[in-house]
């Protein structure tokens, strides 16, 4: 495993920021860490990156313990914090040279040239960081997080505050990096998780409330199933409501209806209804929830 988190608890005074958290991340996964403000996302990332210690529990990165082998963990982790602290009076190349020197990277000039190409900084490489747009500052932040060629990249809100064009560019860059690295990122943008991640972990009040692939999470509901069905001729909506197990019906046209049920899979009952009433089902589709709806259901006590 790339990252192993076992029974992590973090307490600040009387507040329990993380409460017995456990999960594993495989090499090559892109994992989204989601949760409301104050749920514990940033705290979890800071523990993995050795910025702060947990109150109890164990974390290892590629087999190296964050307590006993902290330096080995840091060598293998790249970190882009939410506020992306940069030295704005330094030039892009100058800043990357400074970071490369900290890591004692050989062939610094070649590595900087490579990172500038990977992160798309060629046009801005001779500018001071303070003169860059937020999107290019994020690219500089990614370059510093990747310059020592880490196995794991951890990013806290990497697209926060970017305009739509910058957001798409950074997302594409993260996807490209994810082909070679294990990535964990936190975000409040649910579409970002669906666009980038192949797995999502949802934290609420310091506890994991969901951990699954983005595809499976999108199918999770609060017990309801919604299907869209089209019949070959008009149907009375009250007749559809008579189907056993149906909670609600929304008429979209004379022949198209959205049917909601909490009685499990309702599709067979709908087909039987159609046969009984001399109807043909032209199409039937199970509506899939987005990550945003699942997130709201699992954390709705905070809203």
Protein backbone atom coordinates (compact mmCIF):
# COMPACT_ATOMS: atom_id res chain seq x y z
CA UNK A 1 0.00 0.00 0.00
CA UNK A 2 1.08 3.56 -0.68
CA UNK A 3 -0.57 5.07 2.43
CA UNK A 4 -1.83 3.17 5.47
CA UNK A 5 -3.79 5.06 8.15
CA UNK A 6 -4.72 3.08 11.26
CA UNK A 7 -6.96 4.32 14.08
CA UNK A 8 -5.86 7.95 13.85
CA UNK A 9 -7.28 10.30 16.47
CA UNK A 10 -6.35 13.97 16.81
CA UNK A 11 -7.54 16.06 19.75
CA UNK A 12 -7.14 19.84 20.09
CA UNK A 13 -7.95 20.70 23.69
CA UNK A 14 -11.50 19.37 24.13
CA UNK A 15 -12.20 19.10 20.40
CA UNK A 16 -11.73 15.78 18.61
CA UNK A 17 -10.74 16.74 15.08
CA UNK A 18 -10.27 13.12 13.97
CA UNK A 19 -11.95 10.18 15.66
CA UNK A 20 -10.38 6.75 15.08
CA UNK A 21 -9.85 7.14 11.32
CA UNK A 22 -8.57 4.19 9.27
CA UNK A 23 -8.09 3.76 5.51
CA UNK A 24 -5.56 2.60 2.92
CA UNK A 25 -4.56 4.10 -0.42
CA UNK A 26 -3.12 1.92 -3.16
CA UNK A 27 -0.27 3.03 -5.39
CA UNK A 28 -1.59 4.91 -8.42
CA UNK A 29 -4.95 5.86 -6.92
CA UNK A 30 -6.35 9.40 -7.10
CA UNK A 31 -8.37 9.82 -3.91
CA UNK A 32 -10.62 12.75 -3.07
CA UNK A 33 -10.90 13.62 0.64
CA UNK A 34 -14.25 15.33 1.15
CA UNK A 35 -16.07 16.84 4.07
CA UNK A 36 -17.71 20.01 5.44
CA UNK A 37 -15.58 22.80 6.89
CA UNK A 38 -13.98 21.58 10.10
CA UNK A 39 -14.54 17.91 9.29
CA UNK A 40 -10.82 17.07 9.68
CA UNK A 41 -9.59 16.91 6.08
CA UNK A 42 -6.65 19.30 6.43
CA UNK A 43 -5.72 17.77 9.79
CA UNK A 44 -5.52 14.32 8.17
CA UNK A 45 -3.31 15.64 5.37
CA UNK A 46 -0.99 17.42 7.79
CA UNK A 47 -0.58 14.20 9.78
CA UNK A 48 0.30 12.17 6.66
CA UNK A 49 2.84 14.80 5.59
CA UNK A 50 4.42 14.88 9.09
CA UNK A 51 3.47 18.52 9.74
CA UNK A 52 1.62 17.62 12.93
CA UNK A 53 1.55 14.42 15.02
CA UNK A 54 -1.67 12.51 15.77
CA UNK A 55 -2.85 12.09 19.35
CA UNK A 56 -2.97 8.34 18.75
CA UNK A 57 -2.79 5.90 15.86
CA UNK A 58 -0.32 4.93 13.15
CA UNK A 59 0.38 6.23 9.63
CA UNK A 60 2.89 4.77 7.19
CA UNK A 61 3.85 5.84 3.68
CA UNK A 62 5.38 3.10 1.54
CA UNK A 63 6.15 1.23 4.76
CA UNK A 64 7.83 4.16 6.54
CA UNK A 65 6.35 5.25 9.86
CA UNK A 66 5.60 8.97 10.35
CA UNK A 67 7.06 8.87 13.88
CA UNK A 68 10.11 6.63 13.54
CA UNK A 69 11.04 7.44 9.91
CA UNK A 70 9.71 10.95 9.38
CA UNK A 71 12.51 12.02 7.01
CA UNK A 72 11.95 8.97 4.80
CA UNK A 73 8.24 9.79 4.64
CA UNK A 74 8.96 13.42 3.68
CA UNK A 75 11.25 12.28 0.88
CA UNK A 76 8.38 10.34 -0.64
CA UNK A 77 5.63 12.92 -0.22
CA UNK A 78 4.98 16.12 -2.16
CA UNK A 79 2.66 18.60 -0.45
CA UNK A 80 0.67 21.53 -1.81
CA UNK A 81 -1.10 23.21 1.15
CA UNK A 82 -4.28 25.22 0.71
CA UNK A 83 -2.68 28.65 1.04
CA UNK A 84 0.23 27.68 -1.26
CA UNK A 85 2.94 29.70 0.54
CA UNK A 86 5.39 31.12 -2.00
CA UNK A 87 8.23 33.65 -1.90
CA UNK A 88 6.63 36.26 -4.14
CA UNK A 89 9.83 38.33 -4.49
CA UNK A 90 11.69 35.42 -6.06
CA UNK A 91 11.67 34.57 -9.75
CA UNK A 92 10.07 31.24 -10.71
CA UNK A 93 13.39 29.59 -11.54
CA UNK A 94 15.03 31.11 -8.48
CA UNK A 95 12.33 29.73 -6.18
CA UNK A 96 12.49 26.25 -7.69
CA UNK A 97 16.27 26.29 -7.39
CA UNK A 98 15.88 27.13 -3.69
CA UNK A 99 13.46 24.20 -3.15
CA UNK A 100 15.67 21.83 -5.15
CA UNK A 101 18.61 22.82 -2.96
CA UNK A 102 16.69 21.92 0.18
CA UNK A 103 16.11 18.43 -1.22
CA UNK A 104 19.75 18.25 -2.40
CA UNK A 105 18.65 17.29 -5.89
CA UNK A 106 21.47 16.55 -8.36
CA UNK A 107 21.46 18.25 -11.77
CA UNK A 108 19.29 21.07 -10.44
CA UNK A 109 19.11 23.05 -13.70
CA UNK A 110 17.92 20.05 -15.69
CA UNK A 111 15.33 19.13 -13.06
CA UNK A 112 13.98 22.70 -12.95
CA UNK A 113 13.72 22.75 -16.73
CA UNK A 114 11.83 19.45 -16.60
CA UNK A 115 9.41 20.70 -13.91
CA UNK A 116 8.73 23.93 -15.80
CA UNK A 117 7.80 21.86 -18.87
CA UNK A 118 5.61 19.41 -16.89
CA UNK A 119 3.66 22.17 -15.13
CA UNK A 120 3.37 24.44 -18.19
CA UNK A 121 5.37 27.33 -16.78
CA UNK A 122 7.52 28.00 -19.86
CA UNK A 123 5.88 31.34 -20.72
CA UNK A 124 6.09 32.63 -17.12
CA UNK A 125 9.41 31.12 -16.04
CA UNK A 126 11.33 34.42 -16.11
CA UNK A 127 8.79 36.37 -14.04
CA UNK A 128 8.68 37.04 -10.33
CA UNK A 129 6.12 34.86 -8.56
CA UNK A 130 4.34 37.99 -7.29
CA UNK A 131 3.57 38.96 -10.90
CA UNK A 132 1.86 35.66 -11.72
CA UNK A 133 -1.88 34.95 -11.85
CA UNK A 134 -3.31 32.59 -9.25
CA UNK A 135 -3.46 29.79 -11.80
CA UNK A 136 0.26 30.06 -12.54
CA UNK A 137 1.04 30.36 -8.83
CA UNK A 138 -0.73 27.05 -8.36
CA UNK A 139 1.49 25.61 -11.08
CA UNK A 140 4.56 26.87 -9.22
CA UNK A 141 3.19 25.24 -6.07
CA UNK A 142 2.76 21.96 -7.94
CA UNK A 143 6.28 22.25 -9.33
CA UNK A 144 7.76 22.64 -5.83
CA UNK A 145 5.67 19.68 -4.59
CA UNK A 146 6.91 17.49 -7.44
CA UNK A 147 10.51 18.64 -7.84
CA UNK A 148 11.97 15.85 -5.66
CA UNK A 149 9.98 13.23 -7.64
CA UNK A 150 7.81 11.99 -4.73
CA UNK A 151 5.78 8.79 -4.87
CA UNK A 152 2.79 10.48 -3.20
CA UNK A 153 1.30 13.92 -3.96
CA UNK A 154 -1.02 15.48 -1.37
CA UNK A 155 -2.95 18.64 -2.24
CA UNK A 156 -5.29 20.70 -0.07
CA UNK A 157 -7.90 22.55 -2.16
CA UNK A 158 -5.63 22.73 -5.25
CA UNK A 159 -8.17 24.57 -7.43
CA UNK A 160 -9.59 26.97 -4.86
CA UNK A 161 -10.14 30.47 -6.28
CA UNK A 162 -9.28 29.62 -9.89
CA UNK A 163 -11.33 30.86 -12.82
CA UNK A 164 -13.02 28.22 -15.06
CA UNK A 165 -10.17 28.13 -17.61
CA UNK A 166 -7.48 27.86 -14.93
CA UNK A 167 -9.52 25.18 -13.17
CA UNK A 168 -9.68 23.01 -16.29
CA UNK A 169 -5.94 23.42 -16.88
CA UNK A 170 -5.03 22.42 -13.31
CA UNK A 171 -7.44 19.47 -13.41
CA UNK A 172 -5.84 18.20 -16.62
CA UNK A 173 -2.41 18.62 -15.06
CA UNK A 174 -3.46 16.63 -11.97
CA UNK A 175 -4.85 13.85 -14.17
CA UNK A 176 -1.57 13.70 -16.07
CA UNK A 177 0.47 13.55 -12.86
CA UNK A 178 -1.90 10.87 -11.53
CA UNK A 179 -0.73 8.46 -14.21
CA UNK A 180 2.58 8.13 -12.36
CA UNK A 181 1.86 9.19 -8.75
CA UNK A 182 -0.47 8.34 -5.90
CA UNK A 183 -2.59 11.45 -5.33
CA UNK A 184 -4.76 12.55 -2.43
CA UNK A 185 -6.59 15.85 -2.67
CA UNK A 186 -9.22 17.67 -0.65
CA UNK A 187 -11.81 19.85 -2.34
CA UNK A 188 -15.22 21.44 -1.88
CA UNK A 189 -15.97 21.14 -5.60
CA UNK A 190 -17.90 17.89 -6.07
CA UNK A 191 -17.61 18.00 -9.87
CA UNK A 192 -13.87 17.99 -9.39
CA UNK A 193 -14.02 14.66 -7.58
CA UNK A 194 -16.12 13.13 -10.36
CA UNK A 195 -13.76 14.57 -13.00
CA UNK A 196 -10.43 13.66 -11.41
CA UNK A 197 -10.71 11.00 -8.70
CA UNK A 198 -11.35 7.29 -8.95
CA UNK A 199 -12.20 7.07 -5.24
CA UNK A 200 -13.67 9.36 -2.58
CA UNK A 201 -13.44 9.33 1.20
CA UNK A 202 -16.07 11.48 2.94
CA UNK A 203 -15.30 12.68 6.47
CA UNK A 204 -17.90 14.24 8.76
CA UNK A 205 -17.23 15.37 12.35
CA UNK A 206 -13.91 13.56 12.38
CA UNK A 207 -15.28 10.20 11.23
CA UNK A 208 -15.35 8.46 7.85
CA UNK A 209 -18.96 8.23 6.68
CA UNK A 210 -18.23 6.87 3.18
CA UNK A 211 -15.27 5.33 1.36
CA UNK A 212 -15.78 3.90 -2.11
CA UNK A 213 -15.13 4.38 -5.79
CA UNK A 214 -16.71 7.51 -7.26
CA UNK A 215 -18.86 5.30 -9.49
CA UNK A 216 -20.31 3.33 -6.56
CA UNK A 217 -20.74 6.43 -4.40
CA UNK A 218 -22.80 8.00 -7.17
CA UNK A 219 -25.23 5.07 -6.86
CA UNK A 220 -25.65 5.38 -3.10
CA UNK A 221 -28.95 6.89 -2.02
CA UNK A 222 -30.89 7.38 1.17
CA UNK A 223 -32.89 4.26 0.29
CA UNK A 224 -34.67 5.74 -2.72
CA UNK A 225 -34.51 4.61 -6.32
CA UNK A 226 -35.47 6.96 -9.13
CA UNK A 227 -36.15 5.78 -12.68
CA UNK A 228 -37.19 7.63 -15.82
CA UNK A 229 -39.61 5.69 -18.02
CA UNK A 230 -41.14 6.42 -21.41
CA UNK A 231 -44.30 4.63 -22.57
CA UNK A 232 -45.57 4.31 -26.14
CA UNK A 233 -48.75 6.29 -25.43
CA UNK A 234 -50.14 8.71 -22.82
CA UNK A 235 -50.77 7.36 -19.34
CA UNK A 236 -52.83 8.75 -16.47
CA UNK A 237 -50.43 9.72 -13.67
CA UNK A 238 -52.86 8.44 -11.01
CA UNK A 239 -52.73 5.03 -12.65
CA UNK A 240 -48.93 4.99 -12.29
CA UNK A 241 -49.26 6.00 -8.63
CA UNK A 242 -51.23 2.80 -8.07
CA UNK A 243 -48.10 0.69 -8.63
CA UNK A 244 -47.23 -0.93 -5.32
CA UNK A 245 -44.11 0.56 -3.67
CA UNK A 246 -44.08 3.91 -5.47
CA UNK A 247 -43.53 7.03 -3.36
CA UNK A 248 -43.81 9.77 -5.94
CA UNK A 249 -44.33 10.32 -9.66
CA UNK A 250 -43.29 13.36 -11.69
CA UNK A 251 -44.91 13.86 -15.08
CA UNK A 252 -42.48 15.21 -17.67
CA UNK A 253 -44.77 14.73 -20.66
CA UNK A 254 -47.84 12.68 -21.53
CA UNK A 255 -45.62 9.61 -22.03
CA UNK A 256 -42.51 10.29 -19.92
CA UNK A 257 -42.49 9.97 -16.12
CA UNK A 258 -39.95 10.08 -13.31
CA UNK A 259 -40.82 7.47 -10.68
CA UNK A 260 -39.38 7.34 -7.16
CA UNK A 261 -39.54 4.35 -4.84
CA UNK A 262 -38.04 3.20 -1.55
CA UNK A 263 -39.22 -0.38 -2.00
CA UNK A 264 -36.06 -1.58 -3.72
CA UNK A 265 -35.82 -2.15 -7.48
CA UNK A 266 -39.16 -1.02 -8.93
CA UNK A 267 -38.37 -1.72 -12.59
CA UNK A 268 -39.99 -5.17 -12.73
CA UNK A 269 -43.21 -3.79 -11.23
CA UNK A 270 -43.24 -1.04 -13.87
CA UNK A 271 -42.87 -3.59 -16.67
CA UNK A 272 -45.71 -5.67 -15.20
CA UNK A 273 -47.84 -2.51 -14.99
CA UNK A 274 -47.15 -1.81 -18.65
CA UNK A 275 -48.16 -5.32 -19.76
CA UNK A 276 -51.32 -5.19 -17.63
CA UNK A 277 -52.36 -1.87 -19.16
CA UNK A 278 -51.46 -2.73 -22.78
CA UNK A 279 -48.47 -0.35 -22.79
CA UNK A 280 -45.01 -0.70 -24.27
CA UNK A 281 -41.96 0.61 -22.42
CA UNK A 282 -39.89 2.53 -24.97
CA UNK A 283 -37.10 3.33 -22.51
CA UNK A 284 -36.29 2.98 -18.83
CA UNK A 285 -33.25 4.46 -17.11
CA UNK A 286 -32.15 4.43 -13.49
CA UNK A 287 -31.16 7.94 -12.48
CA UNK A 288 -27.73 8.08 -10.88
CA UNK A 289 -27.03 10.56 -8.13
CA UNK A 290 -24.01 12.80 -8.30
CA UNK A 291 -21.35 12.87 -5.59
CA UNK A 292 -22.80 16.20 -4.45
CA UNK A 293 -26.18 14.66 -3.58
CA UNK A 294 -24.53 11.77 -1.74
CA UNK A 295 -22.31 14.23 0.14
CA UNK A 296 -25.35 16.27 1.19
CA UNK A 297 -27.20 13.20 2.42
CA UNK A 298 -24.27 11.95 4.49
CA UNK A 299 -23.40 15.33 6.02
CA UNK A 300 -26.82 17.02 6.09
CA UNK A 301 -26.79 17.46 9.88
CA UNK A 302 -24.17 20.18 9.34
CA UNK A 303 -26.29 22.23 6.93
